[in-house]
Each structure stands twice: as C-alpha cells, then as structure tokens.
C-alpha cells in the first residue's frame, strides 16, 4: 500500500510541474507553492500557499490542480486543497531549476 501511495504522489508531483503560475510563468511545484501532498485512500490532500494572500488567480490555479489530477489519475475521488500562509512563501522556496529559469542565479 505504501508503494502505491508513493507512485500516486510521484504522479501528482509530475502533474503539478505542468501547472504554471500565470504571473511568474514557472510551475507551481518548482516555485515552492506546494508544501505537502498526502494520499489517503482515493483522495488527495494538498497543502499549499501563494506568493501573496491577494493572488488574483488563486481560484483558477486551484481549479486547474483539481481538474488535472482527477483527469490524469482516474483512481482519485477527491482533491482537497488547503491554503496556508504559514510559513509565508519567500524566494528561498524556489527550486534551483526555477531560479535558473527566472535568472535568479
């Protein structure tokens, strides 16, 4: 069962790497918006943040996450997104790959 969850989690990460923050044009995983992913039975719980509490595209990004995960992983019943601002997002959360894309290193 643990291996099955690991496989699903890897698939979810792959999906998240194809969802872009429209303002920054870098995927939401590499930019550090995803804090945690849990797979429980056939449900997914994602703990995430945004670069700003006033992100005008937050609903669009959340809807995109839910739709893509349910479409690409047929076994998933529900995708729950929990938003937090603790800890607040900062540039240190960006992956090295994304920093290269953004010209930060």
Foldseek 3Di string as FASTA:
>chain_A
DVVVFVVLVVVLLVLQQVQADVVQRGGCVQQQFWDDWGQDQQEIETEGEDLDPVRPCVVVSVVSSFVSSCVVPVSHDGYHYHYDCVPPDDRVSHHPVVCVVNVVD
